[in-house]
Amino acid sequence: FNGPSVTGPPPQKSNFTTISTPAMTPGTTRYVVLTFVFDGV
């Protein structure tokens, strides 16, 4: 998962550039959690 650009309106910020899951073999389950917050700007 690629993080958002830090340029362009509206300003966007993230705590990651990418999130990669470990390699997955058949039958494997992985999870990614994303939290979104808007502070008015």
Full PDB file with SEQRES, HELIX, SHEET, SSBOND, CRYST1, ORIGX, SCALE, CONECT and MASTER records, all heavy atoms in Angstrom:
SEQRES   1 A   41  PHE ASN GLY PRO SER VAL THR GLY PRO PRO PRO GLN LYS          
SEQRES   2 A   41  SER ASN PHE THR THR ILE SER THR PRO ALA MET THR PRO          
SEQRES   3 A   41  GLY THR THR ARG TYR VAL VAL LEU THR PHE VAL PHE ASP          
SEQRES   4 A   41  GLY VAL                                                      
CRYST1    1.000    1.000    1.000  90.00  90.00  90.00 P 1           1          
ORIGX1      1.000000  0.000000  0.000000        0.00000                         
ORIGX2      0.000000  1.000000  0.000000        0.00000                         
ORIGX3      0.000000  0.000000  1.000000        0.00000                         
SCALE1      1.000000  0.000000  0.000000        0.00000                         
SCALE2      0.000000  1.000000  0.000000        0.00000                         
SCALE3      0.000000  0.000000  1.000000        0.00000                         
ATOM      1  N   PHE A   1       0.871  -1.175   0.000  1.00  0.00           N  
ATOM      2  CA  PHE A   1       0.000   0.000   0.000  1.00  0.00           C  
ATOM      3  C   PHE A   1       0.907   1.224   0.000  1.00  0.00           C  
ATOM      4  O   PHE A   1       1.772   1.350   0.860  1.00  0.00           O  
ATOM      5  CB  PHE A   1      -0.892   0.012   1.248  1.00  0.00           C  
ATOM      6  CG  PHE A   1      -1.906  -1.084   1.253  1.00  0.00           C  
ATOM      7  CD1 PHE A   1      -1.553  -2.364   1.644  1.00  0.00           C  
ATOM      8  CD2 PHE A   1      -3.204  -0.841   0.847  1.00  0.00           C  
ATOM      9  CE1 PHE A   1      -2.490  -3.389   1.642  1.00  0.00           C  
ATOM     10  CE2 PHE A   1      -4.143  -1.854   0.845  1.00  0.00           C  
ATOM     11  CZ  PHE A   1      -3.783  -3.136   1.236  1.00  0.00           C  
ATOM     12  N   ASN A   2       0.697   2.125  -0.949  1.00  0.00           N  
ATOM     13  CA  ASN A   2       1.509   3.341  -1.023  1.00  0.00           C  
ATOM     14  C   ASN A   2       0.868   4.447  -0.216  1.00  0.00           C  
ATOM     15  O   ASN A   2      -0.347   4.646  -0.271  1.00  0.00           O  
ATOM     16  CB  ASN A   2       1.673   3.782  -2.469  1.00  0.00           C  
ATOM     17  CG  ASN A   2       2.537   2.823  -3.254  1.00  0.00           C  
ATOM     18  OD1 ASN A   2       3.516   2.300  -2.749  1.00  0.00           O  
ATOM     19  ND2 ASN A   2       2.176   2.580  -4.498  1.00  0.00           N  
ATOM     20  N   GLY A   3       1.688   5.198   0.506  1.00  0.00           N  
ATOM     21  CA  GLY A   3       1.212   6.342   1.267  1.00  0.00           C  
ATOM     22  C   GLY A   3       0.885   7.497   0.344  1.00  0.00           C  
ATOM     23  O   GLY A   3       1.358   7.555  -0.788  1.00  0.00           O  
ATOM     24  N   PRO A   4       0.068   8.440   0.806  1.00  0.00           N  
ATOM     25  CA  PRO A   4      -0.307   9.577  -0.031  1.00  0.00           C  
ATOM     26  C   PRO A   4       0.846  10.553  -0.204  1.00  0.00           C  
ATOM     27  O   PRO A   4       1.765  10.597   0.597  1.00  0.00           O  
ATOM     28  CB  PRO A   4      -1.442  10.227   0.750  1.00  0.00           C  
ATOM     29  CG  PRO A   4      -1.148   9.877   2.163  1.00  0.00           C  
ATOM     30  CD  PRO A   4      -0.541   8.490   2.116  1.00  0.00           C  
ATOM     31  N   SER A   5       0.766  11.323  -1.256  1.00  0.00           N  
ATOM     32  CA  SER A   5       1.747  12.375  -1.494  1.00  0.00           C  
ATOM     33  C   SER A   5       1.606  13.446  -0.425  1.00  0.00           C  
ATOM     34  O   SER A   5       0.518  13.698   0.078  1.00  0.00           O  
ATOM     35  CB  SER A   5       1.493  12.986  -2.867  1.00  0.00           C  
ATOM     36  OG  SER A   5       2.255  14.151  -3.042  1.00  0.00           O  
ATOM     37  N   VAL A   6       2.681  14.110  -0.089  1.00  0.00           N  
ATOM     38  CA  VAL A   6       2.610  15.185   0.905  1.00  0.00           C  
ATOM     39  C   VAL A   6       2.470  16.541   0.228  1.00  0.00           C  
ATOM     40  O   VAL A   6       2.558  17.569   0.860  1.00  0.00           O  
ATOM     41  CB  VAL A   6       3.842  15.193   1.840  1.00  0.00           C  
ATOM     42  CG1 VAL A   6       3.859  13.947   2.691  1.00  0.00           C  
ATOM     43  CG2 VAL A   6       5.125  15.334   1.058  1.00  0.00           C  
ATOM     44  N   THR A   7       2.247  16.557  -1.097  1.00  0.00           N  
ATOM     45  CA  THR A   7       2.066  17.807  -1.814  1.00  0.00           C  
ATOM     46  C   THR A   7       0.688  17.857  -2.447  1.00  0.00           C  
ATOM     47  O   THR A   7       0.045  16.836  -2.635  1.00  0.00           O  
ATOM     48  CB  THR A   7       3.115  17.972  -2.926  1.00  0.00           C  
ATOM     49  OG1 THR A   7       2.972  16.888  -3.850  1.00  0.00           O  
ATOM     50  CG2 THR A   7       4.514  17.976  -2.361  1.00  0.00           C  
ATOM     51  N   GLY A   8       0.252  19.039  -2.799  1.00  0.00           N  
ATOM     52  CA  GLY A   8      -1.031  19.211  -3.474  1.00  0.00           C  
ATOM     53  C   GLY A   8      -2.160  19.401  -2.493  1.00  0.00           C  
ATOM     54  O   GLY A   8      -2.134  18.893  -1.384  1.00  0.00           O  
ATOM     55  N   PRO A   9      -3.159  20.199  -2.902  1.00  0.00           N  
ATOM     56  CA  PRO A   9      -4.281  20.470  -1.991  1.00  0.00           C  
ATOM     57  C   PRO A   9      -5.225  19.289  -1.928  1.00  0.00           C  
ATOM     58  O   PRO A   9      -5.380  18.592  -2.928  1.00  0.00           O  
ATOM     59  CB  PRO A   9      -4.951  21.676  -2.629  1.00  0.00           C  
ATOM     60  CG  PRO A   9      -4.567  21.623  -4.071  1.00  0.00           C  
ATOM     61  CD  PRO A   9      -3.255  20.914  -4.149  1.00  0.00           C  
ATOM     62  N   PRO A  10      -5.915  19.024  -0.837  1.00  0.00           N  
ATOM     63  CA  PRO A  10      -5.559  19.586   0.463  1.00  0.00           C  
ATOM     64  C   PRO A  10      -4.289  18.913   0.970  1.00  0.00           C  
ATOM     65  O   PRO A  10      -3.976  17.824   0.533  1.00  0.00           O  
ATOM     66  CB  PRO A  10      -6.761  19.229   1.343  1.00  0.00           C  
ATOM     67  CG  PRO A  10      -7.282  17.962   0.751  1.00  0.00           C  
ATOM     68  CD  PRO A  10      -7.045  18.088  -0.738  1.00  0.00           C  
ATOM     69  N   PRO A  11      -3.561  19.552   1.863  1.00  0.00           N  
ATOM     70  CA  PRO A  11      -2.346  18.898   2.373  1.00  0.00           C  
ATOM     71  C   PRO A  11      -2.673  17.522   2.953  1.00  0.00           C  
ATOM     72  O   PRO A  11      -3.676  17.346   3.625  1.00  0.00           O  
ATOM     73  CB  PRO A  11      -1.868  19.856   3.467  1.00  0.00           C  
ATOM     74  CG  PRO A  11      -2.446  21.175   3.077  1.00  0.00           C  
ATOM     75  CD  PRO A  11      -3.774  20.862   2.446  1.00  0.00           C  
ATOM     76  N   GLN A  12      -1.844  16.568   2.635  1.00  0.00           N  
ATOM     77  CA  GLN A  12      -2.031  15.202   3.124  1.00  0.00           C  
ATOM     78  C   GLN A  12      -0.747  14.757   3.807  1.00  0.00           C  
ATOM     79  O   GLN A  12       0.338  15.068   3.346  1.00  0.00           O  
ATOM     80  CB  GLN A  12      -2.335  14.257   1.966  1.00  0.00           C  
ATOM     81  CG  GLN A  12      -3.569  14.622   1.189  1.00  0.00           C  
ATOM     82  CD  GLN A  12      -3.735  13.728  -0.018  1.00  0.00           C  
ATOM     83  OE1 GLN A  12      -2.967  12.801  -0.240  1.00  0.00           O  
ATOM     84  NE2 GLN A  12      -4.749  13.998  -0.807  1.00  0.00           N  
ATOM     85  N   LYS A  13      -0.888  14.024   4.877  1.00  0.00           N  
ATOM     86  CA  LYS A  13       0.279  13.526   5.595  1.00  0.00           C  
ATOM     87  C   LYS A  13       0.033  12.080   6.000  1.00  0.00           C  
ATOM     88  O   LYS A  13      -1.098  11.688   6.253  1.00  0.00           O  
ATOM     89  CB  LYS A  13       0.560  14.373   6.833  1.00  0.00           C  
ATOM     90  CG  LYS A  13       0.866  15.828   6.484  1.00  0.00           C  
ATOM     91  CD  LYS A  13       1.152  16.642   7.716  1.00  0.00           C  
ATOM     92  CE  LYS A  13       1.423  18.084   7.324  1.00  0.00           C  
ATOM     93  NZ  LYS A  13       1.751  18.926   8.467  1.00  0.00           N  
ATOM     94  N   SER A  14       1.086  11.304   6.061  1.00  0.00           N  
ATOM     95  CA  SER A  14       0.951   9.922   6.508  1.00  0.00           C  
ATOM     96  C   SER A  14       2.175   9.543   7.325  1.00  0.00           C  
ATOM     97  O   SER A  14       3.211  10.179   7.244  1.00  0.00           O  
ATOM     98  CB  SER A  14       0.794   8.964   5.326  1.00  0.00           C  
ATOM     99  OG  SER A  14       1.996   8.859   4.608  1.00  0.00           O  
ATOM    100  N   ASN A  15       2.035   8.470   8.100  1.00  0.00           N  
ATOM    101  CA  ASN A  15       3.166   7.993   8.895  1.00  0.00           C  
ATOM    102  C   ASN A  15       3.894   6.871   8.177  1.00  0.00           C  
ATOM    103  O   ASN A  15       4.698   6.181   8.773  1.00  0.00           O  
ATOM    104  CB  ASN A  15       2.711   7.526  10.286  1.00  0.00           C  
ATOM    105  CG  ASN A  15       1.958   6.213  10.253  1.00  0.00           C  
ATOM    106  OD1 ASN A  15       1.407   5.813   9.227  1.00  0.00           O  
ATOM    107  ND2 ASN A  15       1.928   5.512  11.370  1.00  0.00           N  
ATOM    108  N   PHE A  16       3.607   6.671   6.878  1.00  0.00           N  
ATOM    109  CA  PHE A  16       4.270   5.610   6.134  1.00  0.00           C  
ATOM    110  C   PHE A  16       4.429   6.014   4.672  1.00  0.00           C  
ATOM    111  O   PHE A  16       3.672   6.813   4.154  1.00  0.00           O  
ATOM    112  CB  PHE A  16       3.474   4.301   6.213  1.00  0.00           C  
ATOM    113  CG  PHE A  16       2.096   4.394   5.595  1.00  0.00           C  
ATOM    114  CD1 PHE A  16       1.887   4.039   4.279  1.00  0.00           C  
ATOM    115  CD2 PHE A  16       1.009   4.842   6.338  1.00  0.00           C  
ATOM    116  CE1 PHE A  16       0.623   4.135   3.709  1.00  0.00           C  
ATOM    117  CE2 PHE A  16      -0.259   4.926   5.785  1.00  0.00           C  
ATOM    118  CZ  PHE A  16      -0.449   4.576   4.460  1.00  0.00           C  
ATOM    119  N   THR A  17       5.448   5.480   4.034  1.00  0.00           N  
ATOM    120  CA  THR A  17       5.614   5.626   2.588  1.00  0.00           C  
ATOM    121  C   THR A  17       4.947   4.455   1.907  1.00  0.00           C  
ATOM    122  O   THR A  17       4.194   4.613   0.961  1.00  0.00           O  
ATOM    123  CB  THR A  17       7.108   5.678   2.212  1.00  0.00           C  
ATOM    124  OG1 THR A  17       7.717   6.748   2.925  1.00  0.00           O  
ATOM    125  CG2 THR A  17       7.285   5.893   0.734  1.00  0.00           C  
ATOM    126  N   THR A  18       5.219   3.260   2.400  1.00  0.00           N  
ATOM    127  CA  THR A  18       4.536   2.052   1.933  1.00  0.00           C  
ATOM    128  C   THR A  18       4.290   1.135   3.124  1.00  0.00           C  
ATOM    129  O   THR A  18       4.985   1.202   4.137  1.00  0.00           O  
ATOM    130  CB  THR A  18       5.348   1.260   0.884  1.00  0.00           C  
ATOM    131  OG1 THR A  18       6.565   0.834   1.467  1.00  0.00           O  
ATOM    132  CG2 THR A  18       5.629   2.091  -0.356  1.00  0.00           C  
ATOM    133  N   ILE A  19       3.283   0.297   2.993  1.00  0.00           N  
ATOM    134  CA  ILE A  19       3.032  -0.769   3.962  1.00  0.00           C  
ATOM    135  C   ILE A  19       3.091  -2.056   3.160  1.00  0.00           C  
ATOM    136  O   ILE A  19       2.335  -2.223   2.202  1.00  0.00           O  
ATOM    137  CB  ILE A  19       1.643  -0.663   4.610  1.00  0.00           C  
ATOM    138  CG1 ILE A  19       1.488   0.654   5.359  1.00  0.00           C  
ATOM    139  CG2 ILE A  19       1.398  -1.843   5.554  1.00  0.00           C  
ATOM    140  CD1 ILE A  19       0.075   0.898   5.852  1.00  0.00           C  
ATOM    141  N   SER A  20       3.990  -2.938   3.511  1.00  0.00           N  
ATOM    142  CA  SER A  20       4.108  -4.215   2.827  1.00  0.00           C  
ATOM    143  C   SER A  20       3.745  -5.336   3.782  1.00  0.00           C  
ATOM    144  O   SER A  20       4.145  -5.312   4.940  1.00  0.00           O  
ATOM    145  CB  SER A  20       5.529  -4.439   2.315  1.00  0.00           C  
ATOM    146  OG  SER A  20       5.874  -3.463   1.372  1.00  0.00           O  
ATOM    147  N   THR A  21       3.001  -6.305   3.289  1.00  0.00           N  
ATOM    148  CA  THR A  21       2.730  -7.483   4.107  1.00  0.00           C  
ATOM    149  C   THR A  21       3.837  -8.496   3.861  1.00  0.00           C  
ATOM    150  O   THR A  21       4.457  -8.490   2.800  1.00  0.00           O  
ATOM    151  CB  THR A  21       1.377  -8.129   3.735  1.00  0.00           C  
ATOM    152  OG1 THR A  21       1.448  -8.628   2.403  1.00  0.00           O  
ATOM    153  CG2 THR A  21       0.246  -7.134   3.863  1.00  0.00           C  
ATOM    154  N   PRO A  22       4.101  -9.356   4.821  1.00  0.00           N  
ATOM    155  CA  PRO A  22       5.063 -10.430   4.578  1.00  0.00           C  
ATOM    156  C   PRO A  22       4.561 -11.330   3.446  1.00  0.00           C  
ATOM    157  O   PRO A  22       3.381 -11.320   3.107  1.00  0.00           O  
ATOM    158  CB  PRO A  22       5.091 -11.188   5.906  1.00  0.00           C  
ATOM    159  CG  PRO A  22       4.603 -10.212   6.928  1.00  0.00           C  
ATOM    160  CD  PRO A  22       3.605  -9.367   6.205  1.00  0.00           C  
ATOM    161  N   ALA A  23       5.463 -12.103   2.884  1.00  0.00           N  
ATOM    162  CA  ALA A  23       5.089 -13.023   1.803  1.00  0.00           C  
ATOM    163  C   ALA A  23       3.949 -13.933   2.247  1.00  0.00           C  
ATOM    164  O   ALA A  23       3.866 -14.311   3.412  1.00  0.00           O  
ATOM    165  CB  ALA A  23       6.293 -13.854   1.384  1.00  0.00           C  
ATOM    166  N   MET A  24       3.068 -14.225   1.312  1.00  0.00           N  
ATOM    167  CA  MET A  24       1.890 -15.040   1.612  1.00  0.00           C  
ATOM    168  C   MET A  24       1.951 -16.337   0.825  1.00  0.00           C  
ATOM    169  O   MET A  24       2.091 -16.327  -0.388  1.00  0.00           O  
ATOM    170  CB  MET A  24       0.617 -14.280   1.254  1.00  0.00           C  
ATOM    171  CG  MET A  24       0.443 -12.994   2.041  1.00  0.00           C  
ATOM    172  SD  MET A  24      -0.971 -12.016   1.491  1.00  0.00           S  
ATOM    173  CE  MET A  24      -2.334 -13.088   1.955  1.00  0.00           C  
ATOM    174  N   THR A  25       1.852 -17.447   1.525  1.00  0.00           N  
ATOM    175  CA  THR A  25       1.755 -18.745   0.872  1.00  0.00           C  
ATOM    176  C   THR A  25       0.288 -19.136   0.815  1.00  0.00           C  
ATOM    177  O   THR A  25      -0.553 -18.487   1.447  1.00  0.00           O  
ATOM    178  CB  THR A  25       2.580 -19.788   1.647  1.00  0.00           C  
ATOM    179  OG1 THR A  25       2.129 -19.809   2.991  1.00  0.00           O  
ATOM    180  CG2 THR A  25       4.063 -19.460   1.614  1.00  0.00           C  
ATOM    181  N   PRO A  26      -0.083 -20.175   0.070  1.00  0.00           N  
ATOM    182  CA  PRO A  26      -1.493 -20.554  -0.044  1.00  0.00           C  
ATOM    183  C   PRO A  26      -2.169 -20.717   1.314  1.00  0.00           C  
ATOM    184  O   PRO A  26      -1.622 -21.332   2.228  1.00  0.00           O  
ATOM    185  CB  PRO A  26      -1.438 -21.882  -0.795  1.00  0.00           C  
ATOM    186  CG  PRO A  26      -0.200 -21.773  -1.617  1.00  0.00           C  
ATOM    187  CD  PRO A  26       0.771 -21.019  -0.760  1.00  0.00           C  
ATOM    188  N   GLY A  27      -3.343 -20.114   1.455  1.00  0.00           N  
ATOM    189  CA  GLY A  27      -4.116 -20.204   2.677  1.00  0.00           C  
ATOM    190  C   GLY A  27      -3.728 -19.197   3.756  1.00  0.00           C  
ATOM    191  O   GLY A  27      -4.310 -19.179   4.830  1.00  0.00           O  
ATOM    192  N   THR A  28      -2.747 -18.343   3.494  1.00  0.00           N  
ATOM    193  CA  THR A  28      -2.283 -17.355   4.466  1.00  0.00           C  
ATOM    194  C   THR A  28      -3.225 -16.160   4.518  1.00  0.00           C  
ATOM    195  O   THR A  28      -3.762 -15.740   3.503  1.00  0.00           O  
ATOM    196  CB  THR A  28      -0.869 -16.850   4.098  1.00  0.00           C  
ATOM    197  OG1 THR A  28       0.013 -17.967   4.044  1.00  0.00           O  
ATOM    198  CG2 THR A  28      -0.351 -15.850   5.106  1.00  0.00           C  
ATOM    199  N   THR A  29      -3.409 -15.604   5.710  1.00  0.00           N  
ATOM    200  CA  THR A  29      -4.203 -14.385   5.890  1.00  0.00           C  
ATOM    201  C   THR A  29      -3.322 -13.308   6.502  1.00  0.00           C  
ATOM    202  O   THR A  29      -2.575 -13.573   7.438  1.00  0.00           O  
ATOM    203  CB  THR A  29      -5.411 -14.640   6.810  1.00  0.00           C  
ATOM    204  OG1 THR A  29      -6.228 -15.653   6.235  1.00  0.00           O  
ATOM    205  CG2 THR A  29      -6.235 -13.380   7.007  1.00  0.00           C  
ATOM    206  N   ARG A  30      -3.407 -12.096   5.958  1.00  0.00           N  
ATOM    207  CA  ARG A  30      -2.699 -10.938   6.496  1.00  0.00           C  
ATOM    208  C   ARG A  30      -3.710  -9.814   6.653  1.00  0.00           C  
ATOM    209  O   ARG A  30      -4.755  -9.797   6.011  1.00  0.00           O  
ATOM    210  CB  ARG A  30      -1.581 -10.470   5.545  1.00  0.00           C  
ATOM    211  CG  ARG A  30      -0.533 -11.514   5.264  1.00  0.00           C  
ATOM    212  CD  ARG A  30       0.480 -11.581   6.381  1.00  0.00           C  
ATOM    213  NE  ARG A  30       1.608 -12.414   6.006  1.00  0.00           N  
ATOM    214  CZ  ARG A  30       1.941 -13.527   6.612  1.00  0.00           C  
ATOM    215  NH1 ARG A  30       1.226 -13.963   7.611  1.00  0.00           N  
ATOM    216  NH2 ARG A  30       2.984 -14.218   6.224  1.00  0.00           N  
ATOM    217  N   TYR A  31      -3.384  -8.835   7.496  1.00  0.00           N  
ATOM    218  CA  TYR A  31      -4.269  -7.692   7.716  1.00  0.00           C  
ATOM    219  C   TYR A  31      -3.479  -6.398   7.618  1.00  0.00           C  
ATOM    220  O   TYR A  31      -2.310  -6.341   7.999  1.00  0.00           O  
ATOM    221  CB  TYR A  31      -4.907  -7.759   9.110  1.00  0.00           C  
ATOM    222  CG  TYR A  31      -5.750  -8.979   9.325  1.00  0.00           C  
ATOM    223  CD1 TYR A  31      -5.201 -10.134   9.870  1.00  0.00           C  
ATOM    224  CD2 TYR A  31      -7.098  -8.982   8.984  1.00  0.00           C  
ATOM    225  CE1 TYR A  31      -5.976 -11.270  10.071  1.00  0.00           C  
ATOM    226  CE2 TYR A  31      -7.882 -10.111   9.185  1.00  0.00           C  
ATOM    227  CZ  TYR A  31      -7.313 -11.252   9.718  1.00  0.00           C  
ATOM    228  OH  TYR A  31      -8.079 -12.370   9.912  1.00  0.00           O  
ATOM    229  N   VAL A  32      -4.133  -5.361   7.109  1.00  0.00           N  
ATOM    230  CA  VAL A  32      -3.576  -4.014   7.088  1.00  0.00           C  
ATOM    231  C   VAL A  32      -4.604  -3.121   7.766  1.00  0.00           C  
ATOM    232  O   VAL A  32      -5.800  -3.197   7.472  1.00  0.00           O  
ATOM    233  CB  VAL A  32      -3.309  -3.531   5.654  1.00  0.00           C  
ATOM    234  CG1 VAL A  32      -2.933  -2.054   5.636  1.00  0.00           C  
ATOM    235  CG2 VAL A  32      -2.203  -4.358   5.011  1.00  0.00           C  
ATOM    236  N   VAL A  33      -4.165  -2.292   8.704  1.00  0.00           N  
ATOM    237  CA  VAL A  33      -5.066  -1.357   9.381  1.00  0.00           C  
ATOM    238  C   VAL A  33      -4.688   0.059   8.957  1.00  0.00           C  
ATOM    239  O   VAL A  33      -3.519   0.424   8.941  1.00  0.00           O  
ATOM    240  CB  VAL A  33      -5.032  -1.523  10.922  1.00  0.00           C  
ATOM    241  CG1 VAL A  33      -3.654  -1.245  11.483  1.00  0.00           C  
ATOM    242  CG2 VAL A  33      -6.066  -0.635  11.574  1.00  0.00           C  
ATOM    243  N   LEU A  34      -5.692   0.838   8.543  1.00  0.00           N  
ATOM    244  CA  LEU A  34      -5.504   2.229   8.156  1.00  0.00           C  
ATOM    245  C   LEU A  34      -6.418   3.092   9.019  1.00  0.00           C  
ATOM    246  O   LEU A  34      -7.599   2.780   9.177  1.00  0.00           O  
ATOM    247  CB  LEU A  34      -5.852   2.441   6.684  1.00  0.00           C  
ATOM    248  CG  LEU A  34      -5.036   1.648   5.667  1.00  0.00           C  
ATOM    249  CD1 LEU A  34      -5.608   1.847   4.270  1.00  0.00           C  
ATOM    250  CD2 LEU A  34      -3.576   2.060   5.713  1.00  0.00           C  
ATOM    251  N   THR A  35      -5.880   4.163   9.574  1.00  0.00           N  
ATOM    252  CA  THR A  35      -6.664   5.104  10.368  1.00  0.00           C  
ATOM    253  C   THR A  35      -6.607   6.466   9.694  1.00  0.00           C  
ATOM    254  O   THR A  35      -5.525   6.953   9.365  1.00  0.00           O  
ATOM    255  CB  THR A  35      -6.104   5.203  11.800  1.00  0.00           C  
ATOM    256  OG1 THR A  35      -6.132   3.904  12.395  1.00  0.00           O  
ATOM    257  CG2 THR A  35      -6.919   6.158  12.651  1.00  0.00           C  
ATOM    258  N   PHE A  36      -7.787   7.064   9.460  1.00  0.00           N  
ATOM    259  CA  PHE A  36      -7.900   8.351   8.777  1.00  0.00           C  
ATOM    260  C   PHE A  36      -8.397   9.407   9.762  1.00  0.00           C  
ATOM    261  O   PHE A  36      -9.374   9.180  10.464  1.00  0.00           O  
ATOM    262  CB  PHE A  36      -8.911   8.252   7.624  1.00  0.00           C  
ATOM    263  CG  PHE A  36      -8.590   7.177   6.632  1.00  0.00           C  
ATOM    264  CD1 PHE A  36      -9.019   5.875   6.832  1.00  0.00           C  
ATOM    265  CD2 PHE A  36      -7.860   7.472   5.496  1.00  0.00           C  
ATOM    266  CE1 PHE A  36      -8.723   4.881   5.913  1.00  0.00           C  
ATOM    267  CE2 PHE A  36      -7.563   6.487   4.574  1.00  0.00           C  
ATOM    268  CZ  PHE A  36      -7.984   5.194   4.780  1.00  0.00           C  
ATOM    269  N   VAL A  37      -7.731  10.550   9.786  1.00  0.00           N  
ATOM    270  CA  VAL A  37      -8.128  11.663  10.653  1.00  0.00           C  
ATOM    271  C   VAL A  37      -8.084  12.940   9.818  1.00  0.00           C  
ATOM    272  O   VAL A  37      -7.147  13.153   9.044  1.00  0.00           O  
ATOM    273  CB  VAL A  37      -7.174  11.797  11.864  1.00  0.00           C  
ATOM    274  CG1 VAL A  37      -7.537  13.001  12.706  1.00  0.00           C  
ATOM    275  CG2 VAL A  37      -7.173  10.531  12.706  1.00  0.00           C  
ATOM    276  N   PHE A  38      -9.107  13.788   9.954  1.00  0.00           N  
ATOM    277  CA  PHE A  38      -9.139  15.092   9.292  1.00  0.00           C  
ATOM    278  C   PHE A  38      -9.202  16.157  10.366  1.00  0.00           C  
ATOM    279  O   PHE A  38     -10.097  16.139  11.207  1.00  0.00           O  
ATOM    280  CB  PHE A  38     -10.354  15.188   8.357  1.00  0.00           C  
ATOM    281  CG  PHE A  38     -10.453  16.493   7.630  1.00  0.00           C  
ATOM    282  CD1 PHE A  38      -9.483  16.866   6.710  1.00  0.00           C  
ATOM    283  CD2 PHE A  38     -11.504  17.349   7.868  1.00  0.00           C  
ATOM    284  CE1 PHE A  38      -9.574  18.066   6.033  1.00  0.00           C  
ATOM    285  CE2 PHE A  38     -11.609  18.556   7.201  1.00  0.00           C  
ATOM    286  CZ  PHE A  38     -10.641  18.917   6.273  1.00  0.00           C  
ATOM    287  N   ASP A  39      -8.239  17.085  10.368  1.00  0.00           N  
ATOM    288  CA  ASP A  39      -8.205  18.117  11.410  1.00  0.00           C  
ATOM    289  C   ASP A  39      -8.818  19.437  10.959  1.00  0.00           C  
ATOM    290  O   ASP A  39      -8.643  20.465  11.595  1.00  0.00           O  
ATOM    291  CB  ASP A  39      -6.775  18.333  11.905  1.00  0.00           C  
ATOM    292  CG  ASP A  39      -5.872  19.010  10.883  1.00  0.00           C  
ATOM    293  OD1 ASP A  39      -6.319  19.294   9.749  1.00  0.00           O  
ATOM    294  OD2 ASP A  39      -4.695  19.261  11.218  1.00  0.00           O  
ATOM    295  N   GLY A  40      -9.536  19.418   9.848  1.00  0.00           N  
ATOM    296  CA  GLY A  40     -10.140  20.631   9.310  1.00  0.00           C  
ATOM    297  C   GLY A  40      -9.325  21.219   8.178  1.00  0.00           C  
ATOM    298  O   GLY A  40      -9.836  21.993   7.380  1.00  0.00           O  
ATOM    299  N   VAL A  41      -8.053  20.837   8.083  1.00  0.00           N  
ATOM    300  CA  VAL A  41      -7.178  21.320   7.014  1.00  0.00           C  
ATOM    301  C   VAL A  41      -6.447  20.156   6.356  1.00  0.00           C  
ATOM    302  O   VAL A  41      -6.419  20.036   5.146  1.00  0.00           O  
ATOM    303  CB  VAL A  41      -6.133  22.329   7.555  1.00  0.00           C  
ATOM    304  CG1 VAL A  41      -5.183  22.771   6.447  1.00  0.00           C  
ATOM    305  CG2 VAL A  41      -6.828  23.531   8.173  1.00  0.00           C  
TER     306      VAL A  41                                                      
MASTER        0    0    0    0    0    0    0    6  305    1    0    4          
END                                                                             
